[in-house]
Amino acid sequence: MSNPFLEQALQKIRQLREDLRVAAAELHLAHEAFQSHLPVAVRRGDVAWAIGQNAAVEHKLKQLAEELERVAELLRSPHYLKP
């Protein structure tokens, strides 16, 4: 690939995708800690909502990382690179 701007964009996508994966993994660890260390009696109301939101954000981060990979694939495709 000889387009330096495209190569720079692809590099940024790779970095963002990795950052999203790390954030998702960290959220997963936090979610697991909540699930295993908080007594069931405490997991109600706002705490239950926070646990659910944590899992939802983890899922969304994984989806965003996958979407970034699809964008990178499009940018690398021969159809995109044609003048």
PDB file of N, CA and C in Angstrom:
ATOM      1  N   MET A   1       0.855  -1.156   0.000  1.00  0.00           N
ATOM      2  CA  MET A   1       0.000   0.000   0.000  1.00  0.00           C
ATOM      3  C   MET A   1       0.909   1.228   0.000  1.00  0.00           C
ATOM      4  N   SER A   2       0.710   2.114  -0.976  1.00  0.00           N
ATOM      5  CA  SER A   2       1.630   3.236  -1.108  1.00  0.00           C
ATOM      6  C   SER A   2       1.036   4.557  -0.625  1.00  0.00           C
ATOM      7  N   ASN A   3      -0.195   4.567  -0.178  1.00  0.00           N
ATOM      8  CA  ASN A   3      -0.816   5.789   0.297  1.00  0.00           C
ATOM      9  C   ASN A   3      -0.501   5.980   1.787  1.00  0.00           C
ATOM     10  N   PRO A   4       0.344   6.967   2.120  1.00  0.00           N
ATOM     11  CA  PRO A   4       0.736   7.135   3.518  1.00  0.00           C
ATOM     12  C   PRO A   4      -0.440   7.523   4.426  1.00  0.00           C
ATOM     13  N   PHE A   5      -1.407   8.254   3.893  1.00  0.00           N
ATOM     14  CA  PHE A   5      -2.561   8.639   4.699  1.00  0.00           C
ATOM     15  C   PHE A   5      -3.429   7.423   5.025  1.00  0.00           C
ATOM     16  N   LEU A   6      -3.588   6.555   4.041  1.00  0.00           N
ATOM     17  CA  LEU A   6      -4.356   5.334   4.256  1.00  0.00           C
ATOM     18  C   LEU A   6      -3.635   4.422   5.249  1.00  0.00           C
ATOM     19  N   GLU A   7      -2.339   4.320   5.116  1.00  0.00           N
ATOM     20  CA  GLU A   7      -1.560   3.500   6.048  1.00  0.00           C
ATOM     21  C   GLU A   7      -1.653   4.069   7.469  1.00  0.00           C
ATOM     22  N   GLN A   8      -1.622   5.383   7.590  1.00  0.00           N
ATOM     23  CA  GLN A   8      -1.750   6.020   8.897  1.00  0.00           C
ATOM     24  C   GLN A   8      -3.141   5.758   9.481  1.00  0.00           C
ATOM     25  N   ALA A   9      -4.170   5.829   8.650  1.00  0.00           N
ATOM     26  CA  ALA A   9      -5.533   5.549   9.116  1.00  0.00           C
ATOM     27  C   ALA A   9      -5.661   4.103   9.578  1.00  0.00           C
ATOM     28  N   LEU A  10      -5.081   3.181   8.826  1.00  0.00           N
ATOM     29  CA  LEU A  10      -5.133   1.767   9.208  1.00  0.00           C
ATOM     30  C   LEU A  10      -4.388   1.529  10.519  1.00  0.00           C
ATOM     31  N   GLN A  11      -3.273   2.195  10.707  1.00  0.00           N
ATOM     32  CA  GLN A  11      -2.521   2.063  11.960  1.00  0.00           C
ATOM     33  C   GLN A  11      -3.351   2.586  13.131  1.00  0.00           C
ATOM     34  N   LYS A  12      -4.026   3.719  12.928  1.00  0.00           N
ATOM     35  CA  LYS A  12      -4.865   4.288  13.985  1.00  0.00           C
ATOM     36  C   LYS A  12      -6.029   3.335  14.302  1.00  0.00           C
ATOM     37  N   ILE A  13      -6.609   2.727  13.290  1.00  0.00           N
ATOM     38  CA  ILE A  13      -7.690   1.756  13.490  1.00  0.00           C
ATOM     39  C   ILE A  13      -7.180   0.577  14.310  1.00  0.00           C
ATOM     40  N   ARG A  14      -5.994   0.082  13.989  1.00  0.00           N
ATOM     41  CA  ARG A  14      -5.427  -1.043  14.751  1.00  0.00           C
ATOM     42  C   ARG A  14      -5.246  -0.664  16.217  1.00  0.00           C
ATOM     43  N   GLN A  15      -4.763   0.545  16.471  1.00  0.00           N
ATOM     44  CA  GLN A  15      -4.549   0.990  17.845  1.00  0.00           C
ATOM     45  C   GLN A  15      -5.874   1.149  18.584  1.00  0.00           C
ATOM     46  N   LEU A  16      -6.856   1.753  17.923  1.00  0.00           N
ATOM     47  CA  LEU A  16      -8.169   1.925  18.543  1.00  0.00           C
ATOM     48  C   LEU A  16      -8.822   0.577  18.842  1.00  0.00           C
ATOM     49  N   ARG A  17      -8.688  -0.346  17.903  1.00  0.00           N
ATOM     50  CA  ARG A  17      -9.266  -1.685  18.093  1.00  0.00           C
ATOM     51  C   ARG A  17      -8.624  -2.369  19.299  1.00  0.00           C
ATOM     52  N   GLU A  18      -7.328  -2.256  19.435  1.00  0.00           N
ATOM     53  CA  GLU A  18      -6.637  -2.851  20.576  1.00  0.00           C
ATOM     54  C   GLU A  18      -7.056  -2.170  21.878  1.00  0.00           C
ATOM     55  N   ASP A  19      -7.171  -0.851  21.859  1.00  0.00           N
ATOM     56  CA  ASP A  19      -7.621  -0.122  23.050  1.00  0.00           C
ATOM     57  C   ASP A  19      -9.021  -0.569  23.458  1.00  0.00           C
ATOM     58  N   LEU A  20      -9.901  -0.762  22.484  1.00  0.00           N
ATOM     59  CA  LEU A  20     -11.261  -1.230  22.781  1.00  0.00           C
ATOM     60  C   LEU A  20     -11.241  -2.637  23.366  1.00  0.00           C
ATOM     61  N   ARG A  21     -10.402  -3.487  22.822  1.00  0.00           N
ATOM     62  CA  ARG A  21     -10.311  -4.856  23.347  1.00  0.00           C
ATOM     63  C   ARG A  21      -9.797  -4.869  24.794  1.00  0.00           C
ATOM     64  N   VAL A  22      -8.817  -4.046  25.081  1.00  0.00           N
ATOM     65  CA  VAL A  22      -8.283  -3.961  26.442  1.00  0.00           C
ATOM     66  C   VAL A  22      -9.363  -3.433  27.388  1.00  0.00           C
ATOM     67  N   ALA A  23     -10.072  -2.390  26.971  1.00  0.00           N
ATOM     68  CA  ALA A  23     -11.136  -1.836  27.815  1.00  0.00           C
ATOM     69  C   ALA A  23     -12.221  -2.880  28.067  1.00  0.00           C
ATOM     70  N   ALA A  24     -12.593  -3.641  27.046  1.00  0.00           N
ATOM     71  CA  ALA A  24     -13.607  -4.686  27.207  1.00  0.00           C
ATOM     72  C   ALA A  24     -13.118  -5.761  28.170  1.00  0.00           C
ATOM     73  N   ALA A  25     -11.858  -6.128  28.070  1.00  0.00           N
ATOM     74  CA  ALA A  25     -11.308  -7.147  28.968  1.00  0.00           C
ATOM     75  C   ALA A  25     -11.288  -6.643  30.410  1.00  0.00           C
ATOM     76  N   GLU A  26     -10.946  -5.379  30.608  1.00  0.00           N
ATOM     77  CA  GLU A  26     -10.944  -4.814  31.948  1.00  0.00           C
ATOM     78  C   GLU A  26     -12.354  -4.757  32.527  1.00  0.00           C
ATOM     79  N   LEU A  27     -13.326  -4.392  31.690  1.00  0.00           N
ATOM     80  CA  LEU A  27     -14.714  -4.391  32.152  1.00  0.00           C
ATOM     81  C   LEU A  27     -15.177  -5.795  32.498  1.00  0.00           C
ATOM     82  N   HIS A  28     -14.740  -6.759  31.717  1.00  0.00           N
ATOM     83  CA  HIS A  28     -15.102  -8.146  32.001  1.00  0.00           C
ATOM     84  C   HIS A  28     -14.579  -8.568  33.378  1.00  0.00           C
ATOM     85  N   LEU A  29     -13.348  -8.208  33.671  1.00  0.00           N
ATOM     86  CA  LEU A  29     -12.772  -8.533  34.981  1.00  0.00           C
ATOM     87  C   LEU A  29     -13.549  -7.855  36.107  1.00  0.00           C
ATOM     88  N   ALA A  30     -13.922  -6.597  35.903  1.00  0.00           N
ATOM     89  CA  ALA A  30     -14.703  -5.881  36.916  1.00  0.00           C
ATOM     90  C   ALA A  30     -16.060  -6.551  37.104  1.00  0.00           C
ATOM     91  N   HIS A  31     -16.686  -6.934  36.007  1.00  0.00           N
ATOM     92  CA  HIS A  31     -17.991  -7.607  36.063  1.00  0.00           C
ATOM     93  C   HIS A  31     -17.884  -8.925  36.827  1.00  0.00           C
ATOM     94  N   GLU A  32     -16.853  -9.688  36.534  1.00  0.00           N
ATOM     95  CA  GLU A  32     -16.646 -10.962  37.223  1.00  0.00           C
ATOM     96  C   GLU A  32     -16.413 -10.737  38.721  1.00  0.00           C
ATOM     97  N   ALA A  33     -15.688  -9.689  39.070  1.00  0.00           N
ATOM     98  CA  ALA A  33     -15.445  -9.387  40.487  1.00  0.00           C
ATOM     99  C   ALA A  33     -16.754  -9.039  41.183  1.00  0.00           C
ATOM    100  N   PHE A  34     -17.586  -8.223  40.528  1.00  0.00           N
ATOM    101  CA  PHE A  34     -18.890  -7.896  41.112  1.00  0.00           C
ATOM    102  C   PHE A  34     -19.722  -9.155  41.317  1.00  0.00           C
ATOM    103  N   GLN A  35     -19.759  -9.979  40.299  1.00  0.00           N
ATOM    104  CA  GLN A  35     -20.593 -11.179  40.353  1.00  0.00           C
ATOM    105  C   GLN A  35     -20.114 -12.162  41.422  1.00  0.00           C
ATOM    106  N   SER A  36     -18.820 -12.275  41.587  1.00  0.00           N
ATOM    107  CA  SER A  36     -18.318 -13.297  42.511  1.00  0.00           C
ATOM    108  C   SER A  36     -18.122 -12.797  43.943  1.00  0.00           C
ATOM    109  N   HIS A  37     -17.968 -11.480  44.152  1.00  0.00           N
ATOM    110  CA  HIS A  37     -17.664 -10.993  45.490  1.00  0.00           C
ATOM    111  C   HIS A  37     -18.803 -10.237  46.167  1.00  0.00           C
ATOM    112  N   LEU A  38     -19.781  -9.812  45.397  1.00  0.00           N
ATOM    113  CA  LEU A  38     -20.905  -9.122  46.024  1.00  0.00           C
ATOM    114  C   LEU A  38     -21.973 -10.139  46.406  1.00  0.00           C
ATOM    115  N   PRO A  39     -22.416 -10.117  47.636  1.00  0.00           N
ATOM    116  CA  PRO A  39     -23.488 -11.033  48.024  1.00  0.00           C
ATOM    117  C   PRO A  39     -24.748 -10.763  47.198  1.00  0.00           C
ATOM    118  N   VAL A  40     -25.499 -11.795  46.938  1.00  0.00           N
ATOM    119  CA  VAL A  40     -26.716 -11.676  46.135  1.00  0.00           C
ATOM    120  C   VAL A  40     -27.657 -10.633  46.746  1.00  0.00           C
ATOM    121  N   ALA A  41     -27.721 -10.578  48.047  1.00  0.00           N
ATOM    122  CA  ALA A  41     -28.609  -9.626  48.720  1.00  0.00           C
ATOM    123  C   ALA A  41     -28.251  -8.172  48.400  1.00  0.00           C
ATOM    124  N   VAL A  42     -27.001  -7.921  48.067  1.00  0.00           N
ATOM    125  CA  VAL A  42     -26.548  -6.561  47.765  1.00  0.00           C
ATOM    126  C   VAL A  42     -26.804  -6.205  46.296  1.00  0.00           C
ATOM    127  N   ARG A  43     -26.921  -7.198  45.452  1.00  0.00           N
ATOM    128  CA  ARG A  43     -27.072  -6.971  44.007  1.00  0.00           C
ATOM    129  C   ARG A  43     -28.517  -6.631  43.649  1.00  0.00           C
ATOM    130  N   ARG A  44     -28.990  -5.544  44.190  1.00  0.00           N
ATOM    131  CA  ARG A  44     -30.359  -5.086  43.921  1.00  0.00           C
ATOM    132  C   ARG A  44     -30.325  -3.594  43.607  1.00  0.00           C
ATOM    133  N   GLY A  45     -31.385  -3.122  43.039  1.00  0.00           N
ATOM    134  CA  GLY A  45     -31.514  -1.692  42.755  1.00  0.00           C
ATOM    135  C   GLY A  45     -30.385  -1.154  41.908  1.00  0.00           C
ATOM    136  N   ASP A  46     -29.770  -0.078  42.390  1.00  0.00           N
ATOM    137  CA  ASP A  46     -28.705   0.587  41.639  1.00  0.00           C
ATOM    138  C   ASP A  46     -27.506  -0.325  41.402  1.00  0.00           C
ATOM    139  N   VAL A  47     -27.200  -1.179  42.353  1.00  0.00           N
ATOM    140  CA  VAL A  47     -26.065  -2.095  42.202  1.00  0.00           C
ATOM    141  C   VAL A  47     -26.356  -3.087  41.078  1.00  0.00           C
ATOM    142  N   ALA A  48     -27.557  -3.625  41.039  1.00  0.00           N
ATOM    143  CA  ALA A  48     -27.932  -4.548  39.963  1.00  0.00           C
ATOM    144  C   ALA A  48     -27.892  -3.832  38.621  1.00  0.00           C
ATOM    145  N   TRP A  49     -28.371  -2.587  38.598  1.00  0.00           N
ATOM    146  CA  TRP A  49     -28.346  -1.803  37.361  1.00  0.00           C
ATOM    147  C   TRP A  49     -26.898  -1.591  36.907  1.00  0.00           C
ATOM    148  N   ALA A  50     -26.010  -1.233  37.842  1.00  0.00           N
ATOM    149  CA  ALA A  50     -24.606  -0.988  37.505  1.00  0.00           C
ATOM    150  C   ALA A  50     -23.939  -2.252  36.961  1.00  0.00           C
ATOM    151  N   ILE A  51     -24.250  -3.380  37.551  1.00  0.00           N
ATOM    152  CA  ILE A  51     -23.693  -4.646  37.062  1.00  0.00           C
ATOM    153  C   ILE A  51     -24.174  -4.917  35.645  1.00  0.00           C
ATOM    154  N   GLY A  52     -25.451  -4.693  35.407  1.00  0.00           N
ATOM    155  CA  GLY A  52     -26.000  -4.879  34.060  1.00  0.00           C
ATOM    156  C   GLY A  52     -25.395  -3.921  33.052  1.00  0.00           C
ATOM    157  N   GLN A  53     -25.231  -2.656  33.456  1.00  0.00           N
ATOM    158  CA  GLN A  53     -24.615  -1.671  32.566  1.00  0.00           C
ATOM    159  C   GLN A  53     -23.178  -2.032  32.247  1.00  0.00           C
ATOM    160  N   ASN A  54     -22.462  -2.536  33.226  1.00  0.00           N
ATOM    161  CA  ASN A  54     -21.081  -2.962  33.034  1.00  0.00           C
ATOM    162  C   ASN A  54     -21.012  -4.028  31.941  1.00  0.00           C
ATOM    163  N   ALA A  55     -21.901  -4.998  32.027  1.00  0.00           N
ATOM    164  CA  ALA A  55     -21.933  -6.064  31.022  1.00  0.00           C
ATOM    165  C   ALA A  55     -22.331  -5.514  29.657  1.00  0.00           C
ATOM    166  N   ALA A  56     -23.279  -4.586  29.627  1.00  0.00           N
ATOM    167  CA  ALA A  56     -23.717  -4.007  28.353  1.00  0.00           C
ATOM    168  C   ALA A  56     -22.602  -3.198  27.690  1.00  0.00           C
ATOM    169  N   VAL A  57     -21.866  -2.442  28.488  1.00  0.00           N
ATOM    170  CA  VAL A  57     -20.754  -1.652  27.937  1.00  0.00           C
ATOM    171  C   VAL A  57     -19.646  -2.572  27.435  1.00  0.00           C
ATOM    172  N   GLU A  58     -19.382  -3.637  28.162  1.00  0.00           N
ATOM    173  CA  GLU A  58     -18.386  -4.619  27.707  1.00  0.00           C
ATOM    174  C   GLU A  58     -18.773  -5.165  26.343  1.00  0.00           C
ATOM    175  N   HIS A  59     -20.034  -5.534  26.188  1.00  0.00           N
ATOM    176  CA  HIS A  59     -20.525  -6.073  24.912  1.00  0.00           C
ATOM    177  C   HIS A  59     -20.394  -5.031  23.800  1.00  0.00           C
ATOM    178  N   LYS A  60     -20.757  -3.774  24.089  1.00  0.00           N
ATOM    179  CA  LYS A  60     -20.679  -2.705  23.095  1.00  0.00           C
ATOM    180  C   LYS A  60     -19.232  -2.457  22.672  1.00  0.00           C
ATOM    181  N   LEU A  61     -18.303  -2.491  23.609  1.00  0.00           N
ATOM    182  CA  LEU A  61     -16.894  -2.302  23.262  1.00  0.00           C
ATOM    183  C   LEU A  61     -16.401  -3.396  22.320  1.00  0.00           C
ATOM    184  N   LYS A  62     -16.834  -4.630  22.576  1.00  0.00           N
ATOM    185  CA  LYS A  62     -16.453  -5.736  21.687  1.00  0.00           C
ATOM    186  C   LYS A  62     -17.027  -5.528  20.304  1.00  0.00           C
ATOM    187  N   GLN A  63     -18.281  -5.064  20.227  1.00  0.00           N
ATOM    188  CA  GLN A  63     -18.901  -4.802  18.928  1.00  0.00           C
ATOM    189  C   GLN A  63     -18.151  -3.701  18.176  1.00  0.00           C
ATOM    190  N   LEU A  64     -17.765  -2.651  18.888  1.00  0.00           N
ATOM    191  CA  LEU A  64     -17.035  -1.556  18.252  1.00  0.00           C
ATOM    192  C   LEU A  64     -15.681  -2.011  17.719  1.00  0.00           C
ATOM    193  N   ALA A  65     -14.998  -2.867  18.453  1.00  0.00           N
ATOM    194  CA  ALA A  65     -13.719  -3.403  17.975  1.00  0.00           C
ATOM    195  C   ALA A  65     -13.918  -4.203  16.696  1.00  0.00           C
ATOM    196  N   GLU A  66     -14.994  -5.003  16.659  1.00  0.00           N
ATOM    197  CA  GLU A  66     -15.288  -5.780  15.449  1.00  0.00           C
ATOM    198  C   GLU A  66     -15.631  -4.861  14.280  1.00  0.00           C
ATOM    199  N   GLU A  67     -16.374  -3.802  14.551  1.00  0.00           N
ATOM    200  CA  GLU A  67     -16.747  -2.851  13.504  1.00  0.00           C
ATOM    201  C   GLU A  67     -15.515  -2.129  12.955  1.00  0.00           C
ATOM    202  N   LEU A  68     -14.596  -1.782  13.831  1.00  0.00           N
ATOM    203  CA  LEU A  68     -13.348  -1.166  13.370  1.00  0.00           C
ATOM    204  C   LEU A  68     -12.567  -2.117  12.472  1.00  0.00           C
ATOM    205  N   GLU A  69     -12.589  -3.398  12.784  1.00  0.00           N
ATOM    206  CA  GLU A  69     -11.910  -4.372  11.931  1.00  0.00           C
ATOM    207  C   GLU A  69     -12.555  -4.414  10.548  1.00  0.00           C
ATOM    208  N   ARG A  70     -13.880  -4.332  10.507  1.00  0.00           N
ATOM    209  CA  ARG A  70     -14.567  -4.321   9.199  1.00  0.00           C
ATOM    210  C   ARG A  70     -14.204  -3.072   8.402  1.00  0.00           C
ATOM    211  N   VAL A  71     -14.076  -1.930   9.073  1.00  0.00           N
ATOM    212  CA  VAL A  71     -13.670  -0.698   8.391  1.00  0.00           C
ATOM    213  C   VAL A  71     -12.254  -0.858   7.839  1.00  0.00           C
ATOM    214  N   ALA A  72     -11.367  -1.422   8.624  1.00  0.00           N
ATOM    215  CA  ALA A  72      -9.989  -1.641   8.163  1.00  0.00           C
ATOM    216  C   ALA A  72      -9.974  -2.567   6.951  1.00  0.00           C
ATOM    217  N   GLU A  73     -10.798  -3.613   6.980  1.00  0.00           N
ATOM    218  CA  GLU A  73     -10.870  -4.532   5.838  1.00  0.00           C
ATOM    219  C   GLU A  73     -11.359  -3.804   4.594  1.00  0.00           C
ATOM    220  N   LEU A  74     -12.344  -2.928   4.748  1.00  0.00           N
ATOM    221  CA  LEU A  74     -12.835  -2.146   3.607  1.00  0.00           C
ATOM    222  C   LEU A  74     -11.742  -1.247   3.051  1.00  0.00           C
ATOM    223  N   LEU A  75     -10.994  -0.614   3.944  1.00  0.00           N
ATOM    224  CA  LEU A  75      -9.923   0.282   3.484  1.00  0.00           C
ATOM    225  C   LEU A  75      -8.807  -0.479   2.770  1.00  0.00           C
ATOM    226  N   ARG A  76      -8.608  -1.735   3.159  1.00  0.00           N
ATOM    227  CA  ARG A  76      -7.571  -2.545   2.507  1.00  0.00           C
ATOM    228  C   ARG A  76      -8.061  -3.217   1.231  1.00  0.00           C
ATOM    229  N   SER A  77      -9.359  -3.177   0.988  1.00  0.00           N
ATOM    230  CA  SER A  77      -9.902  -3.917  -0.150  1.00  0.00           C
ATOM    231  C   SER A  77      -9.462  -3.303  -1.475  1.00  0.00           C
ATOM    232  N   PRO A  78      -9.298  -4.159  -2.490  1.00  0.00           N
ATOM    233  CA  PRO A  78      -8.879  -3.666  -3.808  1.00  0.00           C
ATOM    234  C   PRO A  78      -9.877  -2.674  -4.398  1.00  0.00           C
ATOM    235  N   HIS A  79     -11.159  -2.809  -4.072  1.00  0.00           N
ATOM    236  CA  HIS A  79     -12.170  -1.902  -4.611  1.00  0.00           C
ATOM    237  C   HIS A  79     -11.987  -0.493  -4.078  1.00  0.00           C
ATOM    238  N   TYR A  80     -11.575  -0.391  -2.827  1.00  0.00           N
ATOM    239  CA  TYR A  80     -11.349   0.920  -2.234  1.00  0.00           C
ATOM    240  C   TYR A  80     -10.080   1.557  -2.775  1.00  0.00           C
ATOM    241  N   LEU A  81      -9.094   0.741  -3.038  1.00  0.00           N
ATOM    242  CA  LEU A  81      -7.794   1.247  -3.454  1.00  0.00           C
ATOM    243  C   LEU A  81      -7.742   1.647  -4.919  1.00  0.00           C
ATOM    244  N   LYS A  82      -8.736   1.244  -5.713  1.00  0.00           N
ATOM    245  CA  LYS A  82      -8.743   1.622  -7.137  1.00  0.00           C
ATOM    246  C   LYS A  82      -8.973   3.116  -7.290  1.00  0.00           C
ATOM    247  N   PRO A  83      -8.274   3.721  -8.266  1.00  0.00           N
ATOM    248  CA  PRO A  83      -8.446   5.168  -8.493  1.00  0.00           C
ATOM    249  C   PRO A  83      -9.809   5.475  -9.071  1.00  0.00           C
TER     250      PRO A  83
END
